[in-house]
Protein backbone atom coordinates (compact mmCIF):
# COMPACT_ATOMS: atom_id res chain seq x y z
CA UNK A 1 53.07 -8.56 17.47
CA UNK A 2 52.24 -8.94 21.03
CA UNK A 3 52.40 -5.86 23.48
CA UNK A 4 52.54 -5.62 27.25
CA UNK A 5 51.98 -2.21 28.80
CA UNK A 6 52.12 -1.43 32.54
CA UNK A 7 51.35 1.68 34.41
CA UNK A 8 52.49 1.79 38.16
CA UNK A 9 52.92 5.67 38.72
CA UNK A 10 49.70 6.36 40.56
CA UNK A 11 47.13 4.71 42.96
CA UNK A 12 45.55 2.81 40.09
CA UNK A 13 47.74 -0.03 39.10
CA UNK A 14 47.00 -0.73 35.29
CA UNK A 15 48.26 -3.61 32.94
CA UNK A 16 47.32 -4.02 29.28
CA UNK A 17 48.06 -6.87 26.87
CA UNK A 18 47.34 -6.96 23.15
CA UNK A 19 47.70 -10.13 21.19
CA UNK A 20 48.28 -9.80 17.48
CA UNK A 21 45.31 -8.01 15.74
CA UNK A 22 42.95 -8.93 18.64
CA UNK A 23 41.50 -6.13 20.86
CA UNK A 24 43.78 -5.37 23.80
CA UNK A 25 42.82 -6.56 27.33
CA UNK A 26 43.07 -4.19 30.30
CA UNK A 27 43.06 -4.76 34.10
CA UNK A 28 43.20 -2.17 37.08
CA UNK A 29 43.44 -2.36 40.71
CA UNK A 30 43.56 0.61 43.08
CA UNK A 31 45.98 1.12 46.18
CA UNK A 32 49.43 2.30 46.31
CA UNK A 33 50.34 -0.20 49.07
CA UNK A 34 49.47 -3.15 46.76
CA UNK A 35 51.46 -2.55 43.60
CA UNK A 36 54.50 -4.68 44.56
CA UNK A 37 52.37 -7.62 45.43
CA UNK A 38 49.84 -7.23 42.76
CA UNK A 39 51.67 -6.32 39.61
CA UNK A 40 53.12 -9.75 38.54
CA UNK A 41 49.94 -11.59 39.32
CA UNK A 42 47.97 -9.08 37.35
CA UNK A 43 50.41 -9.47 34.26
CA UNK A 44 50.28 -13.44 34.64
CA UNK A 45 46.38 -13.17 34.71
CA UNK A 46 46.12 -11.18 31.50
CA UNK A 47 48.81 -13.26 29.82
CA UNK A 48 47.02 -16.44 30.80
CA UNK A 49 43.71 -15.08 29.53
CA UNK A 50 45.47 -14.50 26.16
CA UNK A 51 47.13 -17.82 26.13
CA UNK A 52 50.50 -16.04 26.22
CA UNK A 53 53.69 -16.25 28.21
CA UNK A 54 56.10 -13.41 28.94
CA UNK A 55 58.62 -14.83 26.38
CA UNK A 56 55.78 -14.25 23.67
CA UNK A 57 55.76 -10.55 24.26
CA UNK A 58 57.58 -8.66 21.43
CA UNK A 59 57.20 -4.86 22.86
CA UNK A 60 57.18 -3.61 26.34
CA UNK A 61 55.53 -0.34 27.08
CA UNK A 62 55.81 1.60 30.51
CA UNK A 63 54.27 4.60 31.98
CA UNK A 64 57.36 6.73 33.00
CA UNK A 65 55.95 9.03 35.52
CA UNK A 66 56.03 11.61 37.23
CA UNK A 67 54.29 10.11 40.23
CA UNK A 68 54.79 7.68 43.06
CA UNK A 69 58.55 7.12 43.57
CA UNK A 70 57.83 3.55 44.96
CA UNK A 71 55.12 2.64 42.34
CA UNK A 72 57.61 3.68 39.49
CA UNK A 73 60.53 1.79 40.99
CA UNK A 74 58.38 -1.30 41.09
CA UNK A 75 57.31 -0.91 37.43
CA UNK A 76 60.85 -0.26 36.22
CA UNK A 77 62.25 -3.03 38.15
CA UNK A 78 59.68 -5.43 36.52
CA UNK A 79 60.50 -3.99 33.06
CA UNK A 80 64.19 -4.38 33.49
CA UNK A 81 63.66 -7.92 34.73
CA UNK A 82 61.73 -8.69 31.55
CA UNK A 83 64.50 -7.08 29.38
CA UNK A 84 67.24 -9.06 31.05
CA UNK A 85 65.50 -12.25 30.39
CA UNK A 86 65.00 -11.38 26.65
CA UNK A 87 66.16 -8.30 24.85
CA UNK A 88 63.10 -6.59 23.14
CA UNK A 89 62.05 -3.07 22.19
CA UNK A 90 60.78 -0.97 25.07
CA UNK A 91 58.78 2.30 24.84
CA UNK A 92 57.65 4.77 27.30
CA UNK A 93 55.36 7.93 28.01
CA UNK A 94 54.85 10.32 30.87
CA UNK A 95 51.98 9.92 33.03
CA UNK A 96 50.76 13.33 32.00
CA UNK A 97 50.86 12.48 28.41
CA UNK A 98 48.95 9.33 29.06
CA UNK A 99 45.96 11.07 30.69
CA UNK A 100 45.86 13.73 28.02
CA UNK A 101 45.91 11.04 25.25
CA UNK A 102 42.87 9.35 26.80
CA UNK A 103 40.73 12.56 26.62
CA UNK A 104 38.56 12.38 23.56
CA UNK A 105 39.24 14.78 20.69
CA UNK A 106 37.16 17.93 20.52
CA UNK A 107 34.12 17.70 18.25
CA UNK A 108 32.65 20.30 16.04
CA UNK A 109 30.75 22.72 18.16
CA UNK A 110 27.21 23.98 17.35
CA UNK A 111 26.74 26.74 14.73
CA UNK A 112 28.07 30.11 16.27
CA UNK A 113 30.63 28.71 18.42
CA UNK A 114 34.23 29.21 17.35
CA UNK A 115 36.17 26.61 19.27
CA UNK A 116 36.05 22.60 19.32
CA UNK A 117 34.25 20.73 21.93
CA UNK A 118 34.84 17.56 23.94
CA UNK A 119 31.09 17.08 24.57
CA UNK A 120 28.00 18.86 25.44
CA UNK A 121 29.03 22.25 27.06
CA UNK A 122 32.77 21.77 26.50
CA UNK A 123 34.20 23.88 23.81
CA UNK A 124 37.96 24.43 24.75
CA UNK A 125 40.91 23.22 22.73
CA UNK A 126 43.18 23.60 25.73
CA UNK A 127 43.65 21.06 28.22
CA UNK A 128 45.68 21.11 31.44
CA UNK A 129 46.80 17.95 33.31
CA UNK A 130 47.82 17.77 36.97
CA UNK A 131 48.82 15.08 39.39
CA UNK A 132 49.96 15.34 43.06
CA UNK A 133 53.65 15.81 43.62
CA UNK A 134 52.96 15.72 47.54
CA UNK A 135 54.27 18.71 49.77
CA UNK A 136 51.47 20.83 48.28
CA UNK A 137 52.84 20.84 44.81
CA UNK A 138 51.55 19.41 41.37
CA UNK A 139 53.10 17.87 38.43
CA UNK A 140 51.55 19.65 35.48
CA UNK A 141 51.58 19.91 31.83
CA UNK A 142 49.34 21.93 29.33
CA UNK A 143 48.13 20.64 25.88
CA UNK A 144 46.40 22.06 22.71
CA UNK A 145 44.42 19.96 20.25
CA UNK A 146 46.04 19.76 16.88
CA UNK A 147 44.08 17.74 14.26
CA UNK A 148 45.32 14.23 15.34
CA UNK A 149 45.72 14.62 19.21
CA UNK A 150 46.69 16.54 22.21
CA UNK A 151 50.16 18.06 21.78
CA UNK A 152 52.16 19.45 24.83
CA UNK A 153 52.75 23.17 25.03
CA UNK A 154 55.89 22.59 26.98
CA UNK A 155 57.96 20.29 29.36
CA UNK A 156 56.06 18.81 32.67
CA UNK A 157 56.84 20.82 35.60
CA UNK A 158 56.37 21.00 39.29
CA UNK A 159 54.14 23.80 40.29
CA UNK A 160 52.35 25.63 43.24
CA UNK A 161 48.67 24.81 42.52
CA UNK A 162 47.34 28.36 43.08
CA UNK A 163 50.01 30.09 40.95
CA UNK A 164 49.51 27.39 38.41
CA UNK A 165 45.80 27.81 38.10
CA UNK A 166 46.29 31.78 37.70
CA UNK A 167 48.31 31.27 34.63
CA UNK A 168 45.76 28.95 32.90
CA UNK A 169 43.27 30.49 30.37
CA UNK A 170 39.68 30.77 31.71
CA UNK A 171 38.16 28.33 29.17
CA UNK A 172 40.77 25.52 29.98
CA UNK A 173 39.75 21.91 30.54
CA UNK A 174 41.61 20.22 33.64
CA UNK A 175 42.18 16.57 34.02
CA UNK A 176 44.16 14.44 36.59
CA UNK A 177 44.05 13.52 40.24
CA UNK A 178 45.65 16.82 41.24
CA UNK A 179 42.22 18.16 40.89
CA UNK A 180 41.60 16.73 44.27
CA UNK A 181 44.08 19.22 45.60
CA UNK A 182 43.42 22.32 43.75
CA UNK A 183 39.53 21.97 43.55
CA UNK A 184 38.88 25.08 45.65
CA UNK A 185 40.97 27.43 43.46
CA UNK A 186 39.45 26.44 40.13
CA UNK A 187 37.80 29.44 38.45
CA UNK A 188 34.14 29.15 37.46
CA UNK A 189 34.76 29.28 33.68
CA UNK A 190 37.46 26.32 33.93
CA UNK A 191 36.02 22.90 33.23
CA UNK A 192 36.96 19.88 35.57
CA UNK A 193 36.95 16.72 33.57
CA UNK A 194 35.33 13.49 35.31
CA UNK A 195 37.22 11.17 37.36
CA UNK A 196 37.72 8.70 34.61
CA UNK A 197 40.35 11.20 33.11
CA UNK A 198 42.22 11.55 36.41
CA UNK A 199 44.48 8.55 36.23
CA UNK A 200 47.02 7.17 33.63
CA UNK A 201 46.29 3.80 32.39
CA UNK A 202 48.20 1.08 30.55
CA UNK A 203 45.55 0.88 27.68
CA UNK A 204 46.70 4.37 26.68
CA UNK A 205 50.28 3.22 26.13
CA UNK A 206 48.94 0.49 23.71
CA UNK A 207 46.80 3.09 21.93
CA UNK A 208 49.80 5.42 21.50
CA UNK A 209 52.05 2.70 20.15
CA UNK A 210 49.24 1.68 17.57
CA UNK A 211 49.01 5.26 16.41
CA UNK A 212 52.59 5.76 16.36
CA UNK A 213 52.08 8.73 18.48
CA UNK A 214 55.32 10.89 19.12
CA UNK A 215 54.45 11.13 22.84
CA UNK A 216 55.65 7.55 23.20
CA UNK A 217 59.47 7.43 23.13
CA UNK A 218 61.71 4.47 22.43
CA UNK A 219 63.88 3.64 25.38
CA UNK A 220 67.09 2.39 23.77
CA UNK A 221 70.04 3.16 26.22
CA UNK A 222 69.97 1.96 29.89
CA UNK A 223 70.00 5.59 30.87
CA UNK A 224 66.70 5.90 29.04
CA UNK A 225 65.04 3.14 30.95
CA UNK A 226 64.51 5.29 34.02
CA UNK A 227 61.37 7.00 35.64
CA UNK A 228 60.68 10.64 35.20
CA UNK A 229 60.81 11.93 38.77
CA UNK A 230 61.00 15.69 38.16
CA UNK A 231 61.94 16.37 41.77
CA UNK A 232 63.84 14.84 44.57
CA UNK A 233 62.19 12.14 46.85
CA UNK A 234 61.10 13.14 50.41
CA UNK A 235 63.95 11.36 51.80
CA UNK A 236 66.42 13.21 49.55
CA UNK A 237 64.74 16.53 50.17
CA UNK A 238 65.21 15.84 54.03
CA UNK A 239 68.87 15.07 53.55
CA UNK A 240 69.25 18.49 51.99
CA UNK A 241 67.90 20.40 55.08
């Protein structure tokens, strides 16, 4: 079984390929403005490295957003092109879920502590993920760790940063590039996770598929093969004014 995963919703363009039982290969490039020119070459580079062609790919995996409208359109146009050339199963997961799934599971805390811990000094089993939605808003989703992984506590939403932070528990861990926007409002007891947990990556899609994680959804109907925008684009919002 050969897998191809792409993630284009953020400033980090991410592609991953897994050939059979071999370990997956993953490449990333930064820069929103270059997704359209770099996505296909990046895919070709990985496929060539694994001695594969696009026709050899059995499963397509895609990050569904929310995120950059332009980036998501580039990613989904590419996926739809591959599906038009050859019908094959396609799966997708939200960018927020991809970030959450990459956060390591909490470990057993030292004696006397009651909650799990991610690492030294981190003992919260609650995780919040945030990404920039522009116009001083955030895309957000909260999670709790349940045995085999982080599970969302509700649907993703668009939030005012200050109001969202006020509703979070004090011991929460926060991940995602939205931290760059709301850093000044974070309470002292809240934990900012490092930048390696700020961006969704294609390798997380392959991991979710291998684990049969329910965060990854089968996209069957044409109406399913669409990005998760959560809000209108800036152009659409201007038309409403």
